[in-house]
Amino acid sequence: MRVLVVTEIRLYRDGVADALRQLPDVESAISAANGAQAVVAARDGRCDVALVDIALPDSIATARALVTARPVLKVVALGVADDAPELVACAEAGICGYVPRDATLAELVDALRSVLRGEAACSGRVAAGLIRHIARQASTQHRGPARTGLTRREHDVLELVERGLTNKEIARALDLELSTVKNHVHNLLAKFGVADRGQMVASLAPRPDPYPPAREAPVPRPPAPRASGTPSTVTRV
């Protein structure tokens, strides 16, 4: 394989390129200091896979430009965090492999080989970050239309419905005819795709994250040492 290493830190890109050249299946390993140099190398057909440092100021734009310049080129993000917005931006730019900041050289090479086989390469943490994002998106979509899709008056009525007011109370609060309020409530139910007010209010409630980030188990605290000579029990006379 022919690898292009893209990062503005010279010591970093030279070190990674030198390490890759030692591998038997690496035909060549070249480097670029910025997106412009990387695109030139891609257009010349001098690489099969590009390793883009995500810390590069224009890393996402560089990845997108590389894929546009040479669609068959595989792009791997180096130093990516398990942060959902960053991962989604990488995926939308055409990046098909993710190497975390604490990855070893062996893990980096495995990712390069995987993307060249047509596979998506990412660690378990990265996959979990993407799954959490997709789950949140699905949960949000199931809560009905965005509030921005409602009229101003529907916003007012919906707020009072959430507070538990009846149609008559809403009519008095907004100085509207009762029939007008009923029409607004009917339209809201239709927009939210629910049968009654209770379902509409329930659909607006925040839902827990089905894939919360893993938390480290607390370290148990050792028992406090017992003072020397102090009996464990006291006998009362």
C-alpha atoms as a PDB file:
ATOM      1  CA  MET A   1       0.000   0.000   0.000  1.00  0.00           C
ATOM      2  CA  ARG A   2       0.997   3.606  -0.592  1.00  0.00           C
ATOM      3  CA  VAL A   3       0.338   5.915   2.339  1.00  0.00           C
ATOM      4  CA  LEU A   4       0.095   9.704   2.541  1.00  0.00           C
ATOM      5  CA  VAL A   5       0.614  11.201   6.020  1.00  0.00           C
ATOM      6  CA  VAL A   6      -0.959  14.652   6.431  1.00  0.00           C
ATOM      7  CA  THR A   7      -0.037  16.752   9.469  1.00  0.00           C
ATOM      8  CA  GLU A   8       1.553  20.149   9.982  1.00  0.00           C
ATOM      9  CA  ILE A   9       4.015  18.835  12.607  1.00  0.00           C
ATOM     10  CA  ARG A  10       7.093  17.777  10.667  1.00  0.00           C
ATOM     11  CA  LEU A  11       8.558  15.556  13.372  1.00  0.00           C
ATOM     12  CA  TYR A  12       5.210  13.807  13.664  1.00  0.00           C
ATOM     13  CA  ARG A  13       4.678  13.147   9.936  1.00  0.00           C
ATOM     14  CA  ASP A  14       8.308  12.138   9.310  1.00  0.00           C
ATOM     15  CA  GLY A  15       8.227   9.741  12.260  1.00  0.00           C
ATOM     16  CA  VAL A  16       4.995   8.068  11.183  1.00  0.00           C
ATOM     17  CA  ALA A  17       6.124   7.842   7.561  1.00  0.00           C
ATOM     18  CA  ASP A  18       9.492   6.321   8.559  1.00  0.00           C
ATOM     19  CA  ALA A  19       7.764   3.739  10.768  1.00  0.00           C
ATOM     20  CA  LEU A  20       5.379   2.763   7.972  1.00  0.00           C
ATOM     21  CA  ARG A  21       8.215   2.334   5.451  1.00  0.00           C
ATOM     22  CA  GLN A  22       9.590  -0.488   7.598  1.00  0.00           C
ATOM     23  CA  LEU A  23       6.528  -2.642   6.954  1.00  0.00           C
ATOM     24  CA  PRO A  24       6.727  -5.232   4.166  1.00  0.00           C
ATOM     25  CA  ASP A  25       3.350  -4.361   2.634  1.00  0.00           C
ATOM     26  CA  VAL A  26       4.019  -0.608   2.490  1.00  0.00           C
ATOM     27  CA  GLU A  27       5.277   0.323  -0.958  1.00  0.00           C
ATOM     28  CA  SER A  28       5.764   3.985  -0.113  1.00  0.00           C
ATOM     29  CA  ALA A  29       4.968   6.510   2.620  1.00  0.00           C
ATOM     30  CA  ILE A  30       4.984  10.192   1.695  1.00  0.00           C
ATOM     31  CA  SER A  31       3.945  13.207   3.712  1.00  0.00           C
ATOM     32  CA  ALA A  32       2.212  16.560   3.332  1.00  0.00           C
ATOM     33  CA  ALA A  33       2.212  19.548   5.666  1.00  0.00           C
ATOM     34  CA  ASN A  34      -1.213  20.891   4.699  1.00  0.00           C
ATOM     35  CA  GLY A  35      -4.357  20.228   2.715  1.00  0.00           C
ATOM     36  CA  ALA A  36      -3.122  21.831  -0.495  1.00  0.00           C
ATOM     37  CA  GLN A  37      -0.033  19.586  -0.644  1.00  0.00           C
ATOM     38  CA  ALA A  38      -2.152  16.549   0.191  1.00  0.00           C
ATOM     39  CA  VAL A  39      -4.627  17.219  -2.633  1.00  0.00           C
ATOM     40  CA  VAL A  40      -1.779  17.547  -5.144  1.00  0.00           C
ATOM     41  CA  ALA A  41      -0.377  14.176  -4.054  1.00  0.00           C
ATOM     42  CA  ALA A  42      -3.837  12.596  -4.289  1.00  0.00           C
ATOM     43  CA  ARG A  43      -4.469  13.934  -7.776  1.00  0.00           C
ATOM     44  CA  ASP A  44      -1.098  12.615  -8.923  1.00  0.00           C
ATOM     45  CA  GLY A  45      -2.170   9.152  -7.795  1.00  0.00           C
ATOM     46  CA  ARG A  46       0.788   8.727  -5.457  1.00  0.00           C
ATOM     47  CA  CYS A  47      -1.184   7.179  -2.592  1.00  0.00           C
ATOM     48  CA  ASP A  48      -3.891   4.592  -1.906  1.00  0.00           C
ATOM     49  CA  VAL A  49      -4.756   5.770   1.591  1.00  0.00           C
ATOM     50  CA  ALA A  50      -4.384   9.146   3.313  1.00  0.00           C
ATOM     51  CA  LEU A  51      -3.769   9.442   7.041  1.00  0.00           C
ATOM     52  CA  VAL A  52      -5.055  12.880   8.093  1.00  0.00           C
ATOM     53  CA  ASP A  53      -4.204  14.330  11.500  1.00  0.00           C
ATOM     54  CA  ILE A  54      -7.518  15.521  12.924  1.00  0.00           C
ATOM     55  CA  ALA A  55      -5.631  18.272  14.805  1.00  0.00           C
ATOM     56  CA  LEU A  56      -4.865  19.909  11.453  1.00  0.00           C
ATOM     57  CA  PRO A  57      -6.746  23.252  11.392  1.00  0.00           C
ATOM     58  CA  ASP A  58      -8.608  22.306   8.197  1.00  0.00           C
ATOM     59  CA  SER A  59      -8.622  18.536   8.695  1.00  0.00           C
ATOM     60  CA  ILE A  60     -12.299  18.005   7.804  1.00  0.00           C
ATOM     61  CA  ALA A  61     -12.062  20.235   4.744  1.00  0.00           C
ATOM     62  CA  THR A  62      -8.848  18.452   3.740  1.00  0.00           C
ATOM     63  CA  ALA A  63     -10.503  15.043   3.995  1.00  0.00           C
ATOM     64  CA  ARG A  64     -13.434  16.215   1.899  1.00  0.00           C
ATOM     65  CA  ALA A  65     -11.092  17.725  -0.720  1.00  0.00           C
ATOM     66  CA  LEU A  66      -9.070  14.492  -0.892  1.00  0.00           C
ATOM     67  CA  VAL A  67     -12.168  12.377  -1.499  1.00  0.00           C
ATOM     68  CA  THR A  68     -13.396  14.849  -4.125  1.00  0.00           C
ATOM     69  CA  ALA A  69     -10.023  14.932  -5.900  1.00  0.00           C
ATOM     70  CA  ARG A  70      -9.723  11.135  -5.956  1.00  0.00           C
ATOM     71  CA  PRO A  71     -12.905   9.247  -4.991  1.00  0.00           C
ATOM     72  CA  VAL A  72     -11.140   5.862  -4.767  1.00  0.00           C
ATOM     73  CA  LEU A  73      -8.766   7.215  -2.119  1.00  0.00           C
ATOM     74  CA  LYS A  74      -9.357   5.925   1.411  1.00  0.00           C
ATOM     75  CA  VAL A  75      -9.072   8.536   4.167  1.00  0.00           C
ATOM     76  CA  VAL A  76      -8.278   7.682   7.792  1.00  0.00           C
ATOM     77  CA  ALA A  77      -8.543  10.204  10.633  1.00  0.00           C
ATOM     78  CA  LEU A  78      -5.592  10.143  13.031  1.00  0.00           C
ATOM     79  CA  GLY A  79      -5.992  11.295  16.629  1.00  0.00           C
ATOM     80  CA  VAL A  80      -9.786  11.351  16.615  1.00  0.00           C
ATOM     81  CA  ALA A  81     -11.665  11.598  19.917  1.00  0.00           C
ATOM     82  CA  ASP A  82     -14.856   9.697  20.763  1.00  0.00           C
ATOM     83  CA  ASP A  83     -16.791  12.959  20.519  1.00  0.00           C
ATOM     84  CA  ALA A  84     -20.025  12.510  18.559  1.00  0.00           C
ATOM     85  CA  PRO A  85     -20.066  15.844  16.649  1.00  0.00           C
ATOM     86  CA  GLU A  86     -16.462  15.358  15.530  1.00  0.00           C
ATOM     87  CA  LEU A  87     -17.132  11.761  14.484  1.00  0.00           C
ATOM     88  CA  VAL A  88     -20.199  12.741  12.489  1.00  0.00           C
ATOM     89  CA  ALA A  89     -18.271  15.535  10.762  1.00  0.00           C
ATOM     90  CA  CYS A  90     -15.576  13.003   9.831  1.00  0.00           C
ATOM     91  CA  ALA A  91     -18.108  10.547   8.434  1.00  0.00           C
ATOM     92  CA  GLU A  92     -19.847  13.255   6.403  1.00  0.00           C
ATOM     93  CA  ALA A  93     -16.470  14.284   4.945  1.00  0.00           C
ATOM     94  CA  GLY A  94     -15.927  10.762   3.600  1.00  0.00           C
ATOM     95  CA  ILE A  95     -13.511   9.466   6.249  1.00  0.00           C
ATOM     96  CA  CYS A  96     -13.803   5.684   6.551  1.00  0.00           C
ATOM     97  CA  GLY A  97     -11.268   4.918   9.295  1.00  0.00           C
ATOM     98  CA  TYR A  98     -10.707   6.307  12.773  1.00  0.00           C
ATOM     99  CA  VAL A  99      -7.538   5.969  14.836  1.00  0.00           C
ATOM    100  CA  PRO A 100      -7.825   7.293  18.421  1.00  0.00           C
ATOM    101  CA  ARG A 101      -5.186   9.442  20.092  1.00  0.00           C
ATOM    102  CA  ASP A 102      -3.889   6.632  22.279  1.00  0.00           C
ATOM    103  CA  ALA A 103      -3.610   4.034  19.484  1.00  0.00           C
ATOM    104  CA  THR A 104      -0.445   2.021  18.953  1.00  0.00           C
ATOM    105  CA  LEU A 105       1.442   1.715  15.674  1.00  0.00           C
ATOM    106  CA  ALA A 106       0.017  -1.787  15.262  1.00  0.00           C
ATOM    107  CA  GLU A 107      -3.539  -0.463  15.632  1.00  0.00           C
ATOM    108  CA  LEU A 108      -2.792   2.288  13.115  1.00  0.00           C
ATOM    109  CA  VAL A 109      -1.512  -0.239  10.568  1.00  0.00           C
ATOM    110  CA  ASP A 110      -4.546  -2.476  11.151  1.00  0.00           C
ATOM    111  CA  ALA A 111      -6.822   0.487  10.392  1.00  0.00           C
ATOM    112  CA  LEU A 112      -4.974   1.240   7.143  1.00  0.00           C
ATOM    113  CA  ARG A 113      -5.199  -2.372   6.016  1.00  0.00           C
ATOM    114  CA  SER A 114      -8.888  -2.569   6.953  1.00  0.00           C
ATOM    115  CA  VAL A 115      -9.962   0.455   4.898  1.00  0.00           C
ATOM    116  CA  LEU A 116      -8.030  -0.840   1.895  1.00  0.00           C
ATOM    117  CA  ARG A 117     -10.064  -4.057   2.167  1.00  0.00           C
ATOM    118  CA  GLY A 118     -13.208  -1.937   1.962  1.00  0.00           C
ATOM    119  CA  GLU A 119     -13.981  -2.117   5.666  1.00  0.00           C
ATOM    120  CA  ALA A 120     -14.732   0.697   8.111  1.00  0.00           C
ATOM    121  CA  ALA A 121     -12.049   0.857  10.785  1.00  0.00           C
ATOM    122  CA  CYS A 122     -12.792   2.216  14.239  1.00  0.00           C
ATOM    123  CA  SER A 123     -12.243   1.330  17.871  1.00  0.00           C
ATOM    124  CA  GLY A 124     -14.979   0.232  20.237  1.00  0.00           C
ATOM    125  CA  ARG A 125     -15.061   3.668  21.866  1.00  0.00           C
ATOM    126  CA  VAL A 126     -15.484   5.400  18.506  1.00  0.00           C
ATOM    127  CA  ALA A 127     -18.267   2.988  17.513  1.00  0.00           C
ATOM    128  CA  ALA A 128     -19.993   3.638  20.846  1.00  0.00           C
ATOM    129  CA  GLY A 129     -19.810   7.391  20.239  1.00  0.00           C
ATOM    130  CA  LEU A 130     -21.460   7.022  16.838  1.00  0.00           C
ATOM    131  CA  ILE A 131     -24.135   4.704  18.236  1.00  0.00           C
ATOM    132  CA  ARG A 132     -24.930   7.184  21.022  1.00  0.00           C
ATOM    133  CA  HIS A 133     -25.317   9.949  18.443  1.00  0.00           C
ATOM    134  CA  ILE A 134     -27.627   7.864  16.236  1.00  0.00           C
ATOM    135  CA  ALA A 135     -29.712   6.869  19.273  1.00  0.00           C
ATOM    136  CA  ARG A 136     -30.104  10.511  20.329  1.00  0.00           C
ATOM    137  CA  GLN A 137     -31.100  11.476  16.779  1.00  0.00           C
ATOM    138  CA  ALA A 138     -33.720   8.728  16.661  1.00  0.00           C
ATOM    139  CA  SER A 139     -35.034   9.691  20.084  1.00  0.00           C
ATOM    140  CA  THR A 140     -35.349  13.326  19.027  1.00  0.00           C
ATOM    141  CA  GLN A 141     -37.172  12.426  15.813  1.00  0.00           C
ATOM    142  CA  HIS A 142     -39.705  10.366  17.768  1.00  0.00           C
ATOM    143  CA  ARG A 143     -40.632  13.324  19.929  1.00  0.00           C
ATOM    144  CA  GLY A 144     -42.680  14.894  17.172  1.00  0.00           C
ATOM    145  CA  PRO A 145     -42.017  17.968  15.022  1.00  0.00           C
ATOM    146  CA  ALA A 146     -39.513  20.575  16.075  1.00  0.00           C
ATOM    147  CA  ARG A 147     -41.004  23.528  17.901  1.00  0.00           C
ATOM    148  CA  THR A 148     -39.639  25.720  15.134  1.00  0.00           C
ATOM    149  CA  GLY A 149     -42.185  24.065  12.805  1.00  0.00           C
ATOM    150  CA  LEU A 150     -45.104  25.509  14.765  1.00  0.00           C
ATOM    151  CA  THR A 151     -46.796  28.856  14.377  1.00  0.00           C
ATOM    152  CA  ARG A 152     -46.372  31.494  17.060  1.00  0.00           C
ATOM    153  CA  ARG A 153     -49.908  30.952  18.365  1.00  0.00           C
ATOM    154  CA  GLU A 154     -49.402  27.169  18.387  1.00  0.00           C
ATOM    155  CA  HIS A 155     -46.299  27.739  20.510  1.00  0.00           C
ATOM    156  CA  ASP A 156     -48.381  29.723  22.995  1.00  0.00           C
ATOM    157  CA  VAL A 157     -51.112  27.085  23.150  1.00  0.00           C
ATOM    158  CA  LEU A 158     -48.617  24.237  23.441  1.00  0.00           C
ATOM    159  CA  GLU A 159     -46.852  25.904  26.356  1.00  0.00           C
ATOM    160  CA  LEU A 160     -50.129  26.182  28.264  1.00  0.00           C
ATOM    161  CA  VAL A 161     -51.104  22.609  27.383  1.00  0.00           C
ATOM    162  CA  GLU A 162     -47.777  21.469  28.880  1.00  0.00           C
ATOM    163  CA  ARG A 163     -48.667  23.367  32.044  1.00  0.00           C
ATOM    164  CA  GLY A 164     -51.923  21.393  32.296  1.00  0.00           C
ATOM    165  CA  LEU A 165     -54.436  24.111  31.430  1.00  0.00           C
ATOM    166  CA  THR A 166     -57.816  23.179  29.943  1.00  0.00           C
ATOM    167  CA  ASN A 167     -59.089  24.625  26.673  1.00  0.00           C
ATOM    168  CA  LYS A 168     -61.288  27.110  28.554  1.00  0.00           C
ATOM    169  CA  GLU A 169     -58.353  28.240  30.705  1.00  0.00           C
ATOM    170  CA  ILE A 170     -56.144  28.619  27.626  1.00  0.00           C
ATOM    171  CA  ALA A 171     -58.850  30.671  25.911  1.00  0.00           C
ATOM    172  CA  ARG A 172     -59.025  33.035  28.898  1.00  0.00           C
ATOM    173  CA  ALA A 173     -55.239  33.269  29.227  1.00  0.00           C
ATOM    174  CA  LEU A 174     -54.697  34.089  25.537  1.00  0.00           C
ATOM    175  CA  ASP A 175     -57.951  36.045  25.092  1.00  0.00           C
ATOM    176  CA  LEU A 176     -59.134  33.687  22.355  1.00  0.00           C
ATOM    177  CA  GLU A 177     -62.435  32.082  21.461  1.00  0.00           C
ATOM    178  CA  LEU A 178     -62.833  28.545  22.819  1.00  0.00           C
ATOM    179  CA  SER A 179     -63.392  27.227  19.297  1.00  0.00           C
ATOM    180  CA  THR A 180     -60.093  28.810  18.180  1.00  0.00           C
ATOM    181  CA  VAL A 181     -58.200  27.096  20.983  1.00  0.00           C
ATOM    182  CA  LYS A 182     -59.812  23.767  20.082  1.00  0.00           C
ATOM    183  CA  ASN A 183     -58.672  24.222  16.484  1.00  0.00           C
ATOM    184  CA  HIS A 184     -55.101  24.959  17.595  1.00  0.00           C
ATOM    185  CA  VAL A 185     -55.048  21.883  19.847  1.00  0.00           C
ATOM    186  CA  HIS A 186     -56.447  19.750  17.026  1.00  0.00           C
ATOM    187  CA  ASN A 187     -53.723  21.010  14.657  1.00  0.00           C
ATOM    188  CA  LEU A 188     -51.023  20.338  17.274  1.00  0.00           C
ATOM    189  CA  LEU A 189     -52.220  16.758  17.758  1.00  0.00           C
ATOM    190  CA  ALA A 190     -52.099  16.232  14.003  1.00  0.00           C
ATOM    191  CA  LYS A 191     -48.600  17.681  13.714  1.00  0.00           C
ATOM    192  CA  PHE A 192     -47.299  15.556  16.556  1.00  0.00           C
ATOM    193  CA  GLY A 193     -49.069  12.465  15.218  1.00  0.00           C
ATOM    194  CA  VAL A 194     -50.705  11.627  18.561  1.00  0.00           C
ATOM    195  CA  ALA A 195     -54.279  10.948  19.654  1.00  0.00           C
ATOM    196  CA  ASP A 196     -54.585  13.082  22.783  1.00  0.00           C
ATOM    197  CA  ARG A 197     -53.001  15.850  24.831  1.00  0.00           C
ATOM    198  CA  GLY A 198     -51.350  13.430  27.264  1.00  0.00           C
ATOM    199  CA  GLN A 199     -49.434  11.712  24.468  1.00  0.00           C
ATOM    200  CA  MET A 200     -48.382  15.080  23.069  1.00  0.00           C
ATOM    201  CA  VAL A 201     -47.024  16.286  26.407  1.00  0.00           C
ATOM    202  CA  ALA A 202     -45.268  12.936  26.970  1.00  0.00           C
ATOM    203  CA  SER A 203     -43.594  13.191  23.564  1.00  0.00           C
ATOM    204  CA  LEU A 204     -42.054  16.520  24.599  1.00  0.00           C
ATOM    205  CA  ALA A 205     -40.460  15.167  27.769  1.00  0.00           C
ATOM    206  CA  PRO A 206     -36.677  14.561  27.545  1.00  0.00           C
ATOM    207  CA  ARG A 207     -35.726  10.913  27.315  1.00  0.00           C
ATOM    208  CA  PRO A 208     -32.722   9.314  28.983  1.00  0.00           C
ATOM    209  CA  ASP A 209     -29.725   8.534  26.803  1.00  0.00           C
ATOM    210  CA  PRO A 210     -30.042   4.809  25.883  1.00  0.00           C
ATOM    211  CA  TYR A 211     -26.265   4.636  25.417  1.00  0.00           C
ATOM    212  CA  PRO A 212     -24.744   6.807  28.168  1.00  0.00           C
ATOM    213  CA  PRO A 213     -20.949   7.175  28.191  1.00  0.00           C
ATOM    214  CA  ALA A 214     -19.224   4.563  30.288  1.00  0.00           C
ATOM    215  CA  ARG A 215     -18.195   5.721  33.732  1.00  0.00           C
ATOM    216  CA  GLU A 216     -15.228   4.476  35.636  1.00  0.00           C
ATOM    217  CA  ALA A 217     -16.073   2.423  38.700  1.00  0.00           C
ATOM    218  CA  PRO A 218     -15.285   4.266  41.939  1.00  0.00           C
ATOM    219  CA  VAL A 219     -12.130   3.138  43.680  1.00  0.00           C
ATOM    220  CA  PRO A 220     -13.072   1.585  47.042  1.00  0.00           C
ATOM    221  CA  ARG A 221     -11.626   3.424  49.999  1.00  0.00           C
ATOM    222  CA  PRO A 222      -9.631   1.345  52.455  1.00  0.00           C
ATOM    223  CA  PRO A 223     -11.090   1.116  55.968  1.00  0.00           C
ATOM    224  CA  ALA A 224      -9.718   3.637  58.446  1.00  0.00           C
ATOM    225  CA  PRO A 225      -6.994   2.137  60.622  1.00  0.00           C
ATOM    226  CA  ARG A 226      -8.100   1.338  64.148  1.00  0.00           C
ATOM    227  CA  ALA A 227      -6.270   3.149  66.897  1.00  0.00           C
ATOM    228  CA  SER A 228      -3.703   0.966  68.667  1.00  0.00           C
ATOM    229  CA  GLY A 229      -4.899  -0.463  71.957  1.00  0.00           C
ATOM    230  CA  THR A 230      -8.536   0.551  71.363  1.00  0.00           C
ATOM    231  CA  PRO A 231     -10.904  -2.390  71.930  1.00  0.00           C
ATOM    232  CA  SER A 232     -13.339  -3.180  69.153  1.00  0.00           C
ATOM    233  CA  THR A 233     -16.254  -3.400  71.597  1.00  0.00           C
ATOM    234  CA  VAL A 234     -17.022  -1.731  74.887  1.00  0.00           C
ATOM    235  CA  THR A 235     -18.365  -3.814  77.749  1.00  0.00           C
ATOM    236  CA  ARG A 236     -20.642  -1.905  80.031  1.00  0.00           C
ATOM    237  CA  VAL A 237     -20.589  -2.703  83.677  1.00  0.00           C
END
